[in-house]
């Protein structure tokens, strides 16, 4: 597949990171998402990662919302030379990237499907069934460079403006230059229940299993008591027979 290639001038990491913040227009609006700037090989990309159908909630259809854009070059002083692009959507990444969901010790790998009429945007639908921390691991290749980056939701209040400009080297060819924002973890379903709390499917299954176990224990106990009663009854009959014979 033919790809558009934008030659990047030599910029230091903070400059490229600020460029990604200054020109967010290449991405659709994204509330409570994490925006990470990466240097992949000799090119810079912005990854926007979050969850679909926010606010995310247990038993509500959601999914991984992943967007990628290639940053364009700019001349010194931040002035446009008339040809710089704020960002070029990363298209075709559904063929080279996948996402691995993880929650606790459970993991699931899903395909990243392109979002119709939104170049550079990808989705992987799923339904969160437990209120816990979810992680999205994006892995595969971009520009023939191996990519493996994990993004995790945060509990409690989510800051969309919190910045981290520390460089994190993920591999010999991939470095995270900085990130802005975060995305939240699923909230409990019961908080929106009215007039009674709404149980999640997982909570409901746990209650059913507990009730079945209790019923099973009660049935087993009743069976044991019946057997004991039968034994006592047989013993009583035998004893009465022995007494009758002696008479």
C-alpha atoms as a PDB file:
ATOM      1  CA  UNK A   1       0.000   0.000   0.000  1.00  0.00           C
ATOM      2  CA  UNK A   2       1.298   3.441  -0.887  1.00  0.00           C
ATOM      3  CA  UNK A   3       1.648   5.763   2.083  1.00  0.00           C
ATOM      4  CA  UNK A   4       2.072   9.488   2.222  1.00  0.00           C
ATOM      5  CA  UNK A   5       5.393  10.333   3.776  1.00  0.00           C
ATOM      6  CA  UNK A   6       6.101  13.628   5.454  1.00  0.00           C
ATOM      7  CA  UNK A   7       9.774  14.460   5.958  1.00  0.00           C
ATOM      8  CA  UNK A   8      10.282  15.794   9.469  1.00  0.00           C
ATOM      9  CA  UNK A   9      12.881  18.380  10.322  1.00  0.00           C
ATOM     10  CA  UNK A  10      15.152  17.670  13.262  1.00  0.00           C
ATOM     11  CA  UNK A  11      13.342  18.793  16.406  1.00  0.00           C
ATOM     12  CA  UNK A  12      14.031  18.051  20.021  1.00  0.00           C
ATOM     13  CA  UNK A  13      11.509  16.019  21.968  1.00  0.00           C
ATOM     14  CA  UNK A  14       9.832  18.878  23.897  1.00  0.00           C
ATOM     15  CA  UNK A  15       9.286  20.867  20.685  1.00  0.00           C
ATOM     16  CA  UNK A  16       7.586  17.947  18.939  1.00  0.00           C
ATOM     17  CA  UNK A  17       5.466  17.260  22.015  1.00  0.00           C
ATOM     18  CA  UNK A  18       4.294  20.881  22.192  1.00  0.00           C
ATOM     19  CA  UNK A  19       3.539  20.815  18.475  1.00  0.00           C
ATOM     20  CA  UNK A  20       1.157  17.947  19.061  1.00  0.00           C
ATOM     21  CA  UNK A  21      -0.578  19.926  21.804  1.00  0.00           C
ATOM     22  CA  UNK A  22      -0.754  23.144  19.830  1.00  0.00           C
ATOM     23  CA  UNK A  23      -2.499  21.578  16.834  1.00  0.00           C
ATOM     24  CA  UNK A  24      -5.062  19.065  18.104  1.00  0.00           C
ATOM     25  CA  UNK A  25      -7.405  19.811  15.182  1.00  0.00           C
ATOM     26  CA  UNK A  26      -6.351  16.761  13.206  1.00  0.00           C
ATOM     27  CA  UNK A  27      -8.220  14.553  15.671  1.00  0.00           C
ATOM     28  CA  UNK A  28     -11.965  14.438  16.375  1.00  0.00           C
ATOM     29  CA  UNK A  29     -13.006  15.818  19.781  1.00  0.00           C
ATOM     30  CA  UNK A  30     -12.293  13.273  22.497  1.00  0.00           C
ATOM     31  CA  UNK A  31     -13.461  13.719  26.076  1.00  0.00           C
ATOM     32  CA  UNK A  32     -11.520  11.981  28.835  1.00  0.00           C
ATOM     33  CA  UNK A  33      -8.976  10.468  26.493  1.00  0.00           C
ATOM     34  CA  UNK A  34      -5.220  10.082  26.803  1.00  0.00           C
ATOM     35  CA  UNK A  35      -3.061  11.771  24.166  1.00  0.00           C
ATOM     36  CA  UNK A  36       0.464  10.387  23.833  1.00  0.00           C
ATOM     37  CA  UNK A  37       3.154  11.644  21.462  1.00  0.00           C
ATOM     38  CA  UNK A  38       5.580   8.997  20.228  1.00  0.00           C
ATOM     39  CA  UNK A  39       8.734   9.049  18.171  1.00  0.00           C
ATOM     40  CA  UNK A  40       8.587   5.938  15.994  1.00  0.00           C
ATOM     41  CA  UNK A  41      11.696   5.548  13.899  1.00  0.00           C
ATOM     42  CA  UNK A  42      12.299   9.026  12.469  1.00  0.00           C
ATOM     43  CA  UNK A  43       8.648  10.118  12.589  1.00  0.00           C
ATOM     44  CA  UNK A  44       6.343  11.447  15.287  1.00  0.00           C
ATOM     45  CA  UNK A  45       2.809  10.246  15.958  1.00  0.00           C
ATOM     46  CA  UNK A  46       0.074  11.235  18.356  1.00  0.00           C
ATOM     47  CA  UNK A  47      -2.010   8.371  19.771  1.00  0.00           C
ATOM     48  CA  UNK A  48      -5.364   9.237  21.310  1.00  0.00           C
ATOM     49  CA  UNK A  49      -6.691   6.390  23.439  1.00  0.00           C
ATOM     50  CA  UNK A  50      -9.851   6.033  25.481  1.00  0.00           C
ATOM     51  CA  UNK A  51     -13.146   4.187  25.702  1.00  0.00           C
ATOM     52  CA  UNK A  52     -16.174   4.372  23.432  1.00  0.00           C
ATOM     53  CA  UNK A  53     -19.564   5.644  24.601  1.00  0.00           C
ATOM     54  CA  UNK A  54     -18.279   7.526  27.597  1.00  0.00           C
ATOM     55  CA  UNK A  55     -18.968   7.660  30.432  1.00  0.00           C
ATOM     56  CA  UNK A  56     -18.070   3.972  30.434  1.00  0.00           C
ATOM     57  CA  UNK A  57     -20.212   1.795  32.691  1.00  0.00           C
ATOM     58  CA  UNK A  58     -20.470  -1.872  33.611  1.00  0.00           C
ATOM     59  CA  UNK A  59     -22.752  -3.807  31.222  1.00  0.00           C
ATOM     60  CA  UNK A  60     -22.913  -0.862  28.811  1.00  0.00           C
ATOM     61  CA  UNK A  61     -21.590  -1.373  25.275  1.00  0.00           C
ATOM     62  CA  UNK A  62     -18.202   0.315  25.033  1.00  0.00           C
ATOM     63  CA  UNK A  63     -14.860  -0.495  23.475  1.00  0.00           C
ATOM     64  CA  UNK A  64     -11.378   0.740  22.703  1.00  0.00           C
ATOM     65  CA  UNK A  65     -11.250   4.122  20.966  1.00  0.00           C
ATOM     66  CA  UNK A  66      -7.857   4.444  19.235  1.00  0.00           C
ATOM     67  CA  UNK A  67      -6.775   7.280  16.950  1.00  0.00           C
ATOM     68  CA  UNK A  68      -3.402   7.876  15.333  1.00  0.00           C
ATOM     69  CA  UNK A  69      -2.022  10.874  13.475  1.00  0.00           C
ATOM     70  CA  UNK A  70       1.357  11.645  11.966  1.00  0.00           C
ATOM     71  CA  UNK A  71       2.695  15.051  12.951  1.00  0.00           C
ATOM     72  CA  UNK A  72       3.854  17.368  10.166  1.00  0.00           C
ATOM     73  CA  UNK A  73       7.044  19.449  10.259  1.00  0.00           C
ATOM     74  CA  UNK A  74       7.158  23.116  11.243  1.00  0.00           C
ATOM     75  CA  UNK A  75       9.828  25.746  10.829  1.00  0.00           C
ATOM     76  CA  UNK A  76      11.642  27.478  13.668  1.00  0.00           C
ATOM     77  CA  UNK A  77       9.559  29.873  15.734  1.00  0.00           C
ATOM     78  CA  UNK A  78       6.359  27.946  15.142  1.00  0.00           C
ATOM     79  CA  UNK A  79       5.431  29.820  11.954  1.00  0.00           C
ATOM     80  CA  UNK A  80       3.948  27.859   9.114  1.00  0.00           C
ATOM     81  CA  UNK A  81       5.856  27.644   5.867  1.00  0.00           C
ATOM     82  CA  UNK A  82       2.586  27.266   4.001  1.00  0.00           C
ATOM     83  CA  UNK A  83       2.989  23.500   3.565  1.00  0.00           C
ATOM     84  CA  UNK A  84       3.042  22.152   7.095  1.00  0.00           C
ATOM     85  CA  UNK A  85       0.143  19.925   8.102  1.00  0.00           C
ATOM     86  CA  UNK A  86      -1.037  19.814  11.715  1.00  0.00           C
ATOM     87  CA  UNK A  87      -1.385  16.070  11.378  1.00  0.00           C
ATOM     88  CA  UNK A  88      -2.067  13.345   8.872  1.00  0.00           C
ATOM     89  CA  UNK A  89      -4.472  10.548   9.940  1.00  0.00           C
ATOM     90  CA  UNK A  90      -2.738   7.201  10.297  1.00  0.00           C
ATOM     91  CA  UNK A  91      -4.696   5.062   7.865  1.00  0.00           C
ATOM     92  CA  UNK A  92      -4.326   1.326   7.236  1.00  0.00           C
ATOM     93  CA  UNK A  93      -3.201   0.564  10.784  1.00  0.00           C
ATOM     94  CA  UNK A  94      -5.970  -2.017  11.161  1.00  0.00           C
ATOM     95  CA  UNK A  95      -3.740  -4.287   9.053  1.00  0.00           C
ATOM     96  CA  UNK A  96      -0.684  -3.935  11.285  1.00  0.00           C
ATOM     97  CA  UNK A  97      -2.017  -3.298  14.797  1.00  0.00           C
ATOM     98  CA  UNK A  98      -4.184  -5.166  17.293  1.00  0.00           C
ATOM     99  CA  UNK A  99      -5.338  -4.424  20.820  1.00  0.00           C
ATOM    100  CA  UNK A 100      -5.123  -6.679  23.858  1.00  0.00           C
ATOM    101  CA  UNK A 101      -7.646  -6.025  26.636  1.00  0.00           C
ATOM    102  CA  UNK A 102      -6.702  -6.934  30.176  1.00  0.00           C
ATOM    103  CA  UNK A 103      -8.634  -6.795  33.431  1.00  0.00           C
ATOM    104  CA  UNK A 104      -7.140  -8.575  36.403  1.00  0.00           C
ATOM    105  CA  UNK A 105      -5.783 -11.889  35.136  1.00  0.00           C
ATOM    106  CA  UNK A 106      -8.127 -11.982  32.128  1.00  0.00           C
ATOM    107  CA  UNK A 107      -6.891 -11.032  28.647  1.00  0.00           C
ATOM    108  CA  UNK A 108      -8.483 -10.851  25.208  1.00  0.00           C
ATOM    109  CA  UNK A 109      -7.010  -9.810  21.859  1.00  0.00           C
ATOM    110  CA  UNK A 110      -9.260  -7.922  19.431  1.00  0.00           C
ATOM    111  CA  UNK A 111      -8.919  -6.461  15.968  1.00  0.00           C
ATOM    112  CA  UNK A 112      -8.930  -2.695  15.514  1.00  0.00           C
ATOM    113  CA  UNK A 113     -11.669  -1.884  13.013  1.00  0.00           C
ATOM    114  CA  UNK A 114     -11.487   1.378  11.030  1.00  0.00           C
ATOM    115  CA  UNK A 115     -14.217   3.873  11.940  1.00  0.00           C
ATOM    116  CA  UNK A 116     -16.277   4.729   8.894  1.00  0.00           C
ATOM    117  CA  UNK A 117     -15.745   8.224   7.472  1.00  0.00           C
ATOM    118  CA  UNK A 118     -13.141   9.010  10.153  1.00  0.00           C
ATOM    119  CA  UNK A 119      -9.633   8.306   8.790  1.00  0.00           C
ATOM    120  CA  UNK A 120      -7.095   7.428  11.434  1.00  0.00           C
ATOM    121  CA  UNK A 121      -9.747   6.279  13.928  1.00  0.00           C
ATOM    122  CA  UNK A 122     -10.191   2.665  15.020  1.00  0.00           C
ATOM    123  CA  UNK A 123     -12.477   0.820  17.410  1.00  0.00           C
ATOM    124  CA  UNK A 124     -12.682  -2.547  19.142  1.00  0.00           C
ATOM    125  CA  UNK A 125     -16.058  -3.090  20.801  1.00  0.00           C
ATOM    126  CA  UNK A 126     -16.583  -4.948  24.051  1.00  0.00           C
ATOM    127  CA  UNK A 127     -18.844  -4.840  27.109  1.00  0.00           C
ATOM    128  CA  UNK A 128     -17.134  -4.296  30.479  1.00  0.00           C
ATOM    129  CA  UNK A 129     -18.696  -6.713  32.949  1.00  0.00           C
ATOM    130  CA  UNK A 130     -16.718  -5.895  36.095  1.00  0.00           C
ATOM    131  CA  UNK A 131     -15.849  -2.617  37.798  1.00  0.00           C
ATOM    132  CA  UNK A 132     -12.057  -2.776  37.751  1.00  0.00           C
ATOM    133  CA  UNK A 133      -8.982  -1.330  36.004  1.00  0.00           C
ATOM    134  CA  UNK A 134      -8.863  -2.012  32.260  1.00  0.00           C
ATOM    135  CA  UNK A 135      -5.712  -1.804  30.159  1.00  0.00           C
ATOM    136  CA  UNK A 136      -5.479  -1.483  26.375  1.00  0.00           C
ATOM    137  CA  UNK A 137      -2.252  -2.781  24.876  1.00  0.00           C
ATOM    138  CA  UNK A 138      -1.717  -1.564  21.314  1.00  0.00           C
ATOM    139  CA  UNK A 139       0.818  -3.766  19.553  1.00  0.00           C
ATOM    140  CA  UNK A 140       2.054  -4.571  16.054  1.00  0.00           C
ATOM    141  CA  UNK A 141       3.985  -2.396  13.634  1.00  0.00           C
ATOM    142  CA  UNK A 142       3.889   1.159  12.267  1.00  0.00           C
ATOM    143  CA  UNK A 143       6.170   2.075   9.353  1.00  0.00           C
ATOM    144  CA  UNK A 144       7.663  -1.421   9.754  1.00  0.00           C
ATOM    145  CA  UNK A 145       8.746  -0.522  13.290  1.00  0.00           C
ATOM    146  CA  UNK A 146       7.565  -2.741  16.178  1.00  0.00           C
ATOM    147  CA  UNK A 147       5.146  -0.939  18.490  1.00  0.00           C
ATOM    148  CA  UNK A 148       3.990  -2.139  21.904  1.00  0.00           C
ATOM    149  CA  UNK A 149       2.351   0.424  24.207  1.00  0.00           C
ATOM    150  CA  UNK A 150      -0.118  -0.060  27.052  1.00  0.00           C
ATOM    151  CA  UNK A 151      -2.723   2.475  28.199  1.00  0.00           C
ATOM    152  CA  UNK A 152      -4.662   1.996  31.448  1.00  0.00           C
ATOM    153  CA  UNK A 153      -7.786   3.666  32.745  1.00  0.00           C
ATOM    154  CA  UNK A 154      -7.682   5.610  36.001  1.00  0.00           C
ATOM    155  CA  UNK A 155     -10.104   5.366  38.894  1.00  0.00           C
ATOM    156  CA  UNK A 156     -11.714   8.375  40.510  1.00  0.00           C
ATOM    157  CA  UNK A 157     -11.523  11.852  39.042  1.00  0.00           C
ATOM    158  CA  UNK A 158      -9.964  12.061  35.577  1.00  0.00           C
ATOM    159  CA  UNK A 159      -7.784  15.020  34.645  1.00  0.00           C
ATOM    160  CA  UNK A 160      -7.921  15.880  30.962  1.00  0.00           C
ATOM    161  CA  UNK A 161      -5.163  18.472  31.289  1.00  0.00           C
ATOM    162  CA  UNK A 162      -2.546  16.645  33.370  1.00  0.00           C
ATOM    163  CA  UNK A 163       0.759  16.541  31.478  1.00  0.00           C
ATOM    164  CA  UNK A 164       3.735  14.232  31.660  1.00  0.00           C
ATOM    165  CA  UNK A 165       6.711  15.371  29.578  1.00  0.00           C
ATOM    166  CA  UNK A 166       9.082  12.651  30.782  1.00  0.00           C
ATOM    167  CA  UNK A 167      10.521  10.618  27.920  1.00  0.00           C
ATOM    168  CA  UNK A 168       9.907   6.875  28.144  1.00  0.00           C
ATOM    169  CA  UNK A 169      11.916   4.610  25.862  1.00  0.00           C
ATOM    170  CA  UNK A 170       9.737   1.658  24.896  1.00  0.00           C
ATOM    171  CA  UNK A 171      12.246   0.079  22.505  1.00  0.00           C
ATOM    172  CA  UNK A 172      15.260   0.971  20.389  1.00  0.00           C
ATOM    173  CA  UNK A 173      12.997   2.653  17.827  1.00  0.00           C
ATOM    174  CA  UNK A 174      10.026   3.850  19.899  1.00  0.00           C
ATOM    175  CA  UNK A 175      10.062   6.599  22.536  1.00  0.00           C
ATOM    176  CA  UNK A 176       7.109   8.226  24.231  1.00  0.00           C
ATOM    177  CA  UNK A 177       7.842  11.956  24.240  1.00  0.00           C
ATOM    178  CA  UNK A 178       4.977  12.943  26.510  1.00  0.00           C
ATOM    179  CA  UNK A 179       1.313  12.556  27.297  1.00  0.00           C
ATOM    180  CA  UNK A 180      -1.707  14.647  28.220  1.00  0.00           C
ATOM    181  CA  UNK A 181      -4.937  13.583  29.884  1.00  0.00           C
ATOM    182  CA  UNK A 182      -6.323  10.207  30.872  1.00  0.00           C
ATOM    183  CA  UNK A 183      -9.466   8.093  30.553  1.00  0.00           C
ATOM    184  CA  UNK A 184     -11.663   6.695  33.294  1.00  0.00           C
ATOM    185  CA  UNK A 185     -12.471   3.175  34.405  1.00  0.00           C
ATOM    186  CA  UNK A 186     -16.012   1.757  34.276  1.00  0.00           C
ATOM    187  CA  UNK A 187     -18.420   2.954  36.943  1.00  0.00           C
ATOM    188  CA  UNK A 188     -20.775   0.586  38.732  1.00  0.00           C
ATOM    189  CA  UNK A 189     -24.159  -0.014  37.165  1.00  0.00           C
ATOM    190  CA  UNK A 190     -25.962   0.169  40.497  1.00  0.00           C
ATOM    191  CA  UNK A 191     -25.292   3.901  40.847  1.00  0.00           C
ATOM    192  CA  UNK A 192     -27.854   4.640  38.115  1.00  0.00           C
ATOM    193  CA  UNK A 193     -30.471   2.170  39.317  1.00  0.00           C
ATOM    194  CA  UNK A 194     -33.798   3.569  40.512  1.00  0.00           C
ATOM    195  CA  UNK A 195     -35.672   3.049  42.732  1.00  0.00           C
ATOM    196  CA  UNK A 196     -33.457   0.087  43.601  1.00  0.00           C
ATOM    197  CA  UNK A 197     -29.769  -0.371  42.704  1.00  0.00           C
ATOM    198  CA  UNK A 198     -29.315  -2.118  39.364  1.00  0.00           C
ATOM    199  CA  UNK A 199     -27.214  -5.241  39.704  1.00  0.00           C
ATOM    200  CA  UNK A 200     -24.646  -5.963  37.022  1.00  0.00           C
ATOM    201  CA  UNK A 201     -24.834  -9.255  35.163  1.00  0.00           C
ATOM    202  CA  UNK A 202     -21.729 -10.397  37.056  1.00  0.00           C
ATOM    203  CA  UNK A 203     -23.206  -9.479  40.466  1.00  0.00           C
ATOM    204  CA  UNK A 204     -26.457 -11.175  39.518  1.00  0.00           C
ATOM    205  CA  UNK A 205     -24.684 -14.360  38.439  1.00  0.00           C
ATOM    206  CA  UNK A 206     -22.706 -14.334  41.697  1.00  0.00           C
ATOM    207  CA  UNK A 207     -25.921 -14.045  43.718  1.00  0.00           C
ATOM    208  CA  UNK A 208     -27.572 -16.835  41.722  1.00  0.00           C
ATOM    209  CA  UNK A 209     -24.522 -19.058  42.201  1.00  0.00           C
ATOM    210  CA  UNK A 210     -24.482 -18.313  45.924  1.00  0.00           C
ATOM    211  CA  UNK A 211     -28.208 -19.062  46.205  1.00  0.00           C
ATOM    212  CA  UNK A 212     -27.787 -22.300  44.265  1.00  0.00           C
ATOM    213  CA  UNK A 213     -24.887 -23.302  46.475  1.00  0.00           C
ATOM    214  CA  UNK A 214     -26.910 -22.528  49.599  1.00  0.00           C
ATOM    215  CA  UNK A 215     -29.856 -24.500  48.227  1.00  0.00           C
ATOM    216  CA  UNK A 216     -27.537 -27.381  47.404  1.00  0.00           C
ATOM    217  CA  UNK A 217     -26.094 -27.367  50.915  1.00  0.00           C
ATOM    218  CA  UNK A 218     -29.588 -27.284  52.395  1.00  0.00           C
ATOM    219  CA  UNK A 219     -30.685 -30.169  50.182  1.00  0.00           C
ATOM    220  CA  UNK A 220     -27.583 -32.146  51.120  1.00  0.00           C
ATOM    221  CA  UNK A 221     -28.222 -31.501  54.811  1.00  0.00           C
ATOM    222  CA  UNK A 222     -31.872 -32.563  54.426  1.00  0.00           C
ATOM    223  CA  UNK A 223     -30.739 -35.723  52.680  1.00  0.00           C
ATOM    224  CA  UNK A 224     -28.280 -36.498  55.468  1.00  0.00           C
ATOM    225  CA  UNK A 225     -30.955 -35.914  58.115  1.00  0.00           C
ATOM    226  CA  UNK A 226     -33.341 -38.197  56.218  1.00  0.00           C
ATOM    227  CA  UNK A 227     -30.716 -40.938  56.102  1.00  0.00           C
ATOM    228  CA  UNK A 228     -29.979 -40.519  59.812  1.00  0.00           C
ATOM    229  CA  UNK A 229     -33.719 -40.640  60.579  1.00  0.00           C
ATOM    230  CA  UNK A 230     -34.059 -43.796  58.469  1.00  0.00           C
ATOM    231  CA  UNK A 231     -31.163 -45.448  60.251  1.00  0.00           C
ATOM    232  CA  UNK A 232     -32.597 -44.493  63.640  1.00  0.00           C
ATOM    233  CA  UNK A 233     -35.992 -45.794  62.567  1.00  0.00           C
ATOM    234  CA  UNK A 234     -34.563 -49.112  61.380  1.00  0.00           C
ATOM    235  CA  UNK A 235     -32.535 -49.422  64.573  1.00  0.00           C
ATOM    236  CA  UNK A 236     -35.668 -48.697  66.600  1.00  0.00           C
ATOM    237  CA  UNK A 237     -37.627 -51.390  64.776  1.00  0.00           C
ATOM    238  CA  UNK A 238     -34.782 -53.888  65.260  1.00  0.00           C
ATOM    239  CA  UNK A 239     -34.542 -53.092  68.952  1.00  0.00           C
ATOM    240  CA  UNK A 240     -38.289 -53.465  69.390  1.00  0.00           C
ATOM    241  CA  UNK A 241     -38.127 -56.853  67.656  1.00  0.00           C
ATOM    242  CA  UNK A 242     -35.376 -58.025  69.986  1.00  0.00           C
ATOM    243  CA  UNK A 243     -37.384 -56.957  73.048  1.00  0.00           C
ATOM    244  CA  UNK A 244     -40.502 -58.698  71.730  1.00  0.00           C
ATOM    245  CA  UNK A 245     -38.567 -61.958  71.171  1.00  0.00           C
ATOM    246  CA  UNK A 246     -37.219 -61.898  74.718  1.00  0.00           C
ATOM    247  CA  UNK A 247     -40.759 -61.664  76.036  1.00  0.00           C
END
